[in-house]
Amino acid sequence: MPHPANPAPLSPEFLWPHGKKCVLFPGFDVDAESVWLNMEPESINKLVTMSYGGYEARVGVRKILELLARYEVRATFFIPGWTVEAHPAMCEAIVKAGHEVGHHGYLHKRPDPTRFDLAREEIDKGFEALKRVLGVTPVGYRAPSGENFHELLAYLTECGIRYSSSFRDDIRPYRHVLPGNKPGPVELPVNFAMDDWSYGMTHRLDPGAGTLHPKEHVLSIWRDEFEQTREWGGVSTLVMHPQITGRPGRIRILAEFLDHVRRFDDVWIATGEEITRIYEENCPTT
């Protein structure tokens, strides 16, 4: 088996601000209907299938914003360009509440390393929509379906993306190395165990979907992952979807998890941009 080109260097050691021991990075992927359109374009005429994503604009995002306000937590919302065009009021509410907006493609198309032209189009259209509708130029990117490749990472860097949050290969931030040993974006790694889609989505179009996991099971996994990541001084990255976590029974999982995190006084809860800024201050590129 060939080794991947330009493997990422080990994450550098540096202290978190305010004397904190670890970080919680709350991130939400506001896919809305785009995730279903990308799985099966014919879904545009399947009203019930589309309603899974439509729940975000009707209920899910509003309830999550209320919860975050109650806990005084600022989060990062990764929004596809299609979503911001289809649901501008929902996305404007996210900005108005003071949260960070990140790039999440345009139509939630999974980046294909054999079609850089299509991946570049997704990036360009996403930037344009976020700027036109929200007046926002994001500095963070989360890849739709969590995939990426070197040519795309280089293009993201050219476009001003300072951080990515897609890779699964660490618990602390590190900087990608592009071909030619050029610096790429900072990576804020994701832990698949803390992705709500794994536990709360069942649907015929999603081959990875299974049965709903009860609150006790999900909380047990999240608490264990968080506590050990805290011991290691890392970042616990949440990958939440308002069409899942915004549901009545699922939002209580997030609330109780935040209650658990708040029991520790050495946890810094921060947006992706805030974490990246600390990394850049401690580990500047040469």
Protein backbone atom coordinates (compact mmCIF):
# COMPACT_ATOMS: atom_id res chain seq x y z
CA MET A 1 0.00 0.00 0.00
CA PRO A 2 1.41 3.43 -0.89
CA HIS A 3 1.77 5.99 1.88
CA PRO A 4 -0.19 9.25 1.65
CA ALA A 5 1.79 12.14 0.20
CA ASN A 6 2.78 14.88 2.62
CA PRO A 7 1.46 13.27 5.80
CA ALA A 8 0.47 15.78 8.45
CA PRO A 9 3.12 16.53 11.09
CA LEU A 10 2.45 15.73 14.71
CA SER A 11 0.39 18.35 16.50
CA PRO A 12 2.59 20.84 18.35
CA GLU A 13 2.35 21.30 22.09
CA PHE A 14 1.21 24.68 23.40
CA LEU A 15 -0.91 25.91 26.30
CA TRP A 16 -4.58 26.76 25.95
CA PRO A 17 -5.57 30.31 27.00
CA HIS A 18 -6.93 31.38 30.38
CA GLY A 19 -5.18 28.48 32.09
CA LYS A 20 -7.61 25.99 30.54
CA LYS A 21 -6.70 22.34 30.12
CA CYS A 22 -8.76 21.45 27.03
CA VAL A 23 -11.26 22.78 24.51
CA LEU A 24 -14.84 22.06 23.51
CA PHE A 25 -15.53 23.08 19.91
CA PRO A 26 -19.31 23.07 19.27
CA GLY A 27 -19.95 22.85 15.54
CA PHE A 28 -23.23 22.51 13.65
CA ASP A 29 -23.63 21.44 10.01
CA VAL A 30 -26.68 23.28 8.68
CA ASP A 31 -27.28 20.99 5.72
CA ALA A 32 -31.07 21.42 5.53
CA GLU A 33 -32.41 19.71 2.38
CA SER A 34 -29.07 19.86 0.56
CA VAL A 35 -27.84 16.63 2.14
CA TRP A 36 -30.84 14.73 0.76
CA LEU A 37 -30.64 16.38 -2.67
CA ASN A 38 -27.03 15.32 -2.91
CA MET A 39 -27.80 11.72 -1.92
CA GLU A 40 -30.57 11.49 -4.50
CA PRO A 41 -31.30 14.49 -6.78
CA GLU A 42 -34.81 13.14 -7.46
CA SER A 43 -35.60 13.94 -3.82
CA ILE A 44 -36.61 17.42 -4.95
CA ASN A 45 -39.98 15.83 -5.78
CA LYS A 46 -40.11 13.65 -2.65
CA LEU A 47 -41.71 16.00 -0.19
CA VAL A 48 -41.45 13.78 2.87
CA THR A 49 -37.75 13.10 2.25
CA MET A 50 -37.13 16.83 1.83
CA SER A 51 -39.01 17.54 5.05
CA TYR A 52 -36.20 15.89 7.05
CA GLY A 53 -33.98 18.82 6.12
CA GLY A 54 -36.80 21.33 6.15
CA TYR A 55 -37.18 20.74 9.87
CA GLU A 56 -34.07 22.85 10.43
CA ALA A 57 -35.68 26.06 9.18
CA ARG A 58 -39.05 25.39 10.80
CA VAL A 59 -37.86 24.29 14.26
CA GLY A 60 -34.36 22.86 14.65
CA VAL A 61 -32.07 25.88 14.31
CA ARG A 62 -34.33 28.09 16.40
CA LYS A 63 -34.35 25.61 19.28
CA ILE A 64 -30.57 25.17 19.11
CA LEU A 65 -30.04 28.93 19.16
CA GLU A 66 -32.27 29.16 22.22
CA LEU A 67 -30.26 26.42 23.96
CA LEU A 68 -26.91 28.02 23.14
CA ALA A 69 -28.13 31.39 24.39
CA ARG A 70 -29.26 29.80 27.65
CA TYR A 71 -25.80 28.26 28.15
CA GLU A 72 -24.03 31.41 26.87
CA VAL A 73 -22.15 29.36 24.27
CA ARG A 74 -20.89 30.69 20.94
CA ALA A 75 -20.69 27.99 18.28
CA THR A 76 -19.66 27.58 14.66
CA PHE A 77 -22.33 26.84 12.06
CA PHE A 78 -21.02 25.33 8.82
CA ILE A 79 -23.55 26.30 6.15
CA PRO A 80 -23.73 25.17 2.49
CA GLY A 81 -24.37 27.95 0.00
CA TRP A 82 -27.58 26.24 -1.16
CA THR A 83 -28.92 26.34 2.40
CA VAL A 84 -28.29 30.05 2.85
CA GLU A 85 -30.12 30.76 -0.42
CA ALA A 86 -33.06 28.50 0.43
CA HIS A 87 -33.41 29.62 4.07
CA PRO A 88 -31.96 33.14 4.42
CA ALA A 89 -33.98 34.06 7.52
CA MET A 90 -32.77 30.97 9.39
CA CYS A 91 -29.15 31.73 8.53
CA GLU A 92 -29.50 35.42 9.33
CA ALA A 93 -30.71 34.42 12.80
CA ILE A 94 -27.48 32.47 13.32
CA VAL A 95 -25.39 35.53 12.46
CA LYS A 96 -27.55 37.85 14.53
CA ALA A 97 -27.06 35.59 17.57
CA GLY A 98 -23.30 36.14 17.30
CA HIS A 99 -22.19 32.73 16.10
CA GLU A 100 -19.44 32.02 13.58
CA VAL A 101 -20.38 30.91 10.06
CA GLY A 102 -18.15 28.36 8.32
CA HIS A 103 -18.02 27.12 4.72
CA HIS A 104 -19.67 23.75 3.98
CA GLY A 105 -19.66 23.61 0.20
CA TYR A 106 -22.61 24.65 -1.92
CA LEU A 107 -24.87 21.64 -2.45
CA HIS A 108 -23.16 19.40 0.10
CA LYS A 109 -21.32 17.50 -2.63
CA ARG A 110 -18.61 15.19 -1.34
CA PRO A 111 -15.23 16.39 -2.71
CA ASP A 112 -13.99 14.01 -5.41
CA PRO A 113 -10.19 14.01 -5.95
CA THR A 114 -10.74 13.07 -9.60
CA ARG A 115 -12.93 16.15 -10.22
CA PHE A 116 -11.13 19.19 -8.85
CA ASP A 117 -13.13 21.37 -11.24
CA LEU A 118 -16.38 20.40 -9.51
CA ALA A 119 -14.87 20.76 -6.04
CA ARG A 120 -13.60 24.24 -6.92
CA GLU A 121 -17.03 25.21 -8.23
CA GLU A 122 -18.58 24.09 -4.92
CA ILE A 123 -16.14 26.29 -3.03
CA ASP A 124 -16.63 29.34 -5.23
CA LYS A 125 -20.43 29.11 -5.23
CA GLY A 126 -20.47 28.61 -1.46
CA PHE A 127 -18.33 31.69 -0.86
CA GLU A 128 -20.48 33.77 -3.20
CA ALA A 129 -23.76 32.77 -1.55
CA LEU A 130 -22.52 33.35 2.00
CA LYS A 131 -21.20 36.79 1.07
CA ARG A 132 -24.25 37.84 -0.94
CA VAL A 133 -26.91 36.72 1.54
CA LEU A 134 -25.17 37.08 4.90
CA GLY A 135 -22.31 39.46 4.18
CA VAL A 136 -19.93 36.83 5.59
CA THR A 137 -16.59 35.60 4.26
CA PRO A 138 -15.81 32.47 6.29
CA VAL A 139 -12.33 31.49 7.47
CA GLY A 140 -13.26 27.91 8.39
CA TYR A 141 -14.29 24.95 6.24
CA ARG A 142 -15.86 21.60 7.01
CA ALA A 143 -15.91 19.23 4.04
CA PRO A 144 -19.33 17.82 3.08
CA SER A 145 -19.32 14.13 3.99
CA GLY A 146 -15.92 14.76 5.56
CA GLU A 147 -13.64 14.24 2.54
CA ASN A 148 -10.76 16.29 1.14
CA PHE A 149 -7.63 16.06 -1.03
CA HIS A 150 -4.36 17.97 -1.49
CA GLU A 151 -5.42 20.06 -4.50
CA LEU A 152 -8.56 21.18 -2.70
CA LEU A 153 -6.67 22.00 0.50
CA ALA A 154 -4.32 24.19 -1.54
CA TYR A 155 -7.25 25.98 -3.18
CA LEU A 156 -8.94 26.57 0.17
CA THR A 157 -5.72 28.17 1.40
CA GLU A 158 -5.64 30.45 -1.67
CA CYS A 159 -9.23 31.47 -0.90
CA GLY A 160 -8.38 32.59 2.63
CA ILE A 161 -9.56 29.53 4.57
CA ARG A 162 -7.48 29.46 7.76
CA TYR A 163 -8.80 26.24 9.24
CA SER A 164 -10.44 22.95 8.32
CA SER A 165 -12.48 20.69 10.58
CA SER A 166 -12.84 17.38 8.76
CA PHE A 167 -9.87 15.09 9.45
CA ARG A 168 -9.88 12.33 12.09
CA ASP A 169 -6.17 11.87 12.74
CA ASP A 170 -5.49 13.79 15.98
CA ILE A 171 -7.06 15.30 19.09
CA ARG A 172 -5.13 18.58 18.94
CA PRO A 173 -4.84 21.15 16.16
CA TYR A 174 -2.07 20.92 13.59
CA ARG A 175 -1.25 22.61 10.29
CA HIS A 176 -1.60 20.79 6.97
CA VAL A 177 1.50 20.60 4.78
CA LEU A 178 0.76 21.07 1.08
CA PRO A 179 2.85 19.76 -1.82
CA GLY A 180 6.13 21.63 -1.97
CA ASN A 181 6.13 21.89 1.85
CA LYS A 182 3.84 24.91 1.70
CA PRO A 183 1.69 25.63 4.78
CA GLY A 184 -1.98 24.80 4.49
CA PRO A 185 -4.95 25.40 6.79
CA VAL A 186 -4.90 24.56 10.48
CA GLU A 187 -6.85 21.38 11.15
CA LEU A 188 -9.29 21.18 14.09
CA PRO A 189 -9.76 17.41 14.07
CA VAL A 190 -13.11 15.66 14.32
CA ASN A 191 -13.93 12.60 16.40
CA PHE A 192 -16.51 10.43 14.62
CA ALA A 193 -17.86 9.31 18.02
CA MET A 194 -19.11 12.87 18.62
CA ASP A 195 -21.14 13.13 15.39
CA ASP A 196 -24.88 13.09 16.12
CA TRP A 197 -25.70 11.61 12.68
CA SER A 198 -24.25 8.31 13.91
CA TYR A 199 -26.86 8.03 16.64
CA GLY A 200 -29.91 10.00 15.62
CA MET A 201 -30.66 9.54 11.91
CA THR A 202 -32.57 6.69 10.29
CA HIS A 203 -33.61 7.00 6.67
CA ARG A 204 -33.86 4.79 3.59
CA LEU A 205 -31.52 7.01 1.55
CA ASP A 206 -28.70 6.79 4.08
CA PRO A 207 -26.97 3.39 3.94
CA GLY A 208 -25.14 4.17 7.18
CA ALA A 209 -28.27 4.88 9.17
CA GLY A 210 -29.39 2.45 11.83
CA THR A 211 -31.72 2.53 14.76
CA LEU A 212 -32.02 5.50 17.09
CA HIS A 213 -29.67 5.31 20.05
CA PRO A 214 -31.17 6.23 23.42
CA LYS A 215 -29.95 9.27 25.30
CA GLU A 216 -28.13 7.22 27.93
CA HIS A 217 -26.00 5.44 25.31
CA VAL A 218 -25.04 8.64 23.48
CA LEU A 219 -24.26 10.55 26.66
CA SER A 220 -22.11 7.69 27.92
CA ILE A 221 -20.01 7.76 24.73
CA TRP A 222 -19.73 11.55 24.62
CA ARG A 223 -18.81 11.84 28.30
CA ASP A 224 -16.11 9.18 27.98
CA GLU A 225 -14.66 10.75 24.84
CA PHE A 226 -14.71 14.23 26.36
CA GLU A 227 -13.20 13.23 29.70
CA GLN A 228 -10.28 11.35 28.16
CA THR A 229 -9.69 14.11 25.60
CA ARG A 230 -9.64 16.54 28.52
CA GLU A 231 -6.99 14.44 30.25
CA TRP A 232 -4.91 14.54 27.07
CA GLY A 233 -5.36 18.31 26.70
CA GLY A 234 -7.12 18.08 23.35
CA VAL A 235 -10.13 19.44 21.47
CA SER A 236 -13.54 17.75 21.69
CA THR A 237 -15.15 18.65 18.36
CA LEU A 238 -18.91 18.28 18.13
CA VAL A 239 -20.46 17.59 14.72
CA MET A 240 -24.13 18.38 15.20
CA HIS A 241 -26.95 18.63 12.65
CA PRO A 242 -30.02 20.75 13.50
CA GLN A 243 -32.30 18.24 11.74
CA ILE A 244 -31.13 15.71 14.33
CA THR A 245 -30.05 17.50 17.50
CA GLY A 246 -32.84 20.05 17.04
CA ARG A 247 -35.43 17.31 17.61
CA PRO A 248 -37.19 17.26 21.02
CA GLY A 249 -35.57 14.14 22.41
CA ARG A 250 -32.15 14.76 20.91
CA ILE A 251 -31.69 18.35 22.07
CA ARG A 252 -31.82 17.11 25.66
CA ILE A 253 -28.70 15.04 24.92
CA LEU A 254 -26.80 18.20 23.99
CA ALA A 255 -28.14 20.07 27.02
CA GLU A 256 -27.13 17.32 29.44
CA PHE A 257 -23.73 17.00 27.76
CA LEU A 258 -23.13 20.75 28.22
CA ASP A 259 -24.18 20.38 31.85
CA HIS A 260 -21.53 17.67 32.24
CA VAL A 261 -18.83 19.78 30.55
CA ARG A 262 -19.66 22.74 32.79
CA ARG A 263 -18.77 20.66 35.84
CA PHE A 264 -15.13 21.14 34.90
CA ASP A 265 -13.70 24.63 35.33
CA ASP A 266 -10.72 24.00 33.05
CA VAL A 267 -12.61 23.68 29.73
CA TRP A 268 -12.45 26.45 27.14
CA ILE A 269 -15.59 26.48 24.94
CA ALA A 270 -14.67 28.25 21.71
CA THR A 271 -15.49 28.75 18.04
CA GLY A 272 -13.28 27.39 15.29
CA GLU A 273 -11.90 30.85 14.53
CA GLU A 274 -10.99 31.44 18.19
CA ILE A 275 -9.16 28.11 18.44
CA THR A 276 -7.35 28.77 15.17
CA ARG A 277 -6.26 32.23 16.32
CA ILE A 278 -4.66 30.73 19.44
CA TYR A 279 -2.89 28.13 17.31
CA GLU A 280 -1.59 30.79 14.92
CA GLU A 281 -0.29 32.92 17.79
CA ASN A 282 1.55 29.97 19.32
CA CYS A 283 2.66 28.23 16.13
CA PRO A 284 3.25 30.85 13.42
CA THR A 285 4.29 29.71 9.97
CA THR A 286 7.77 30.48 8.79
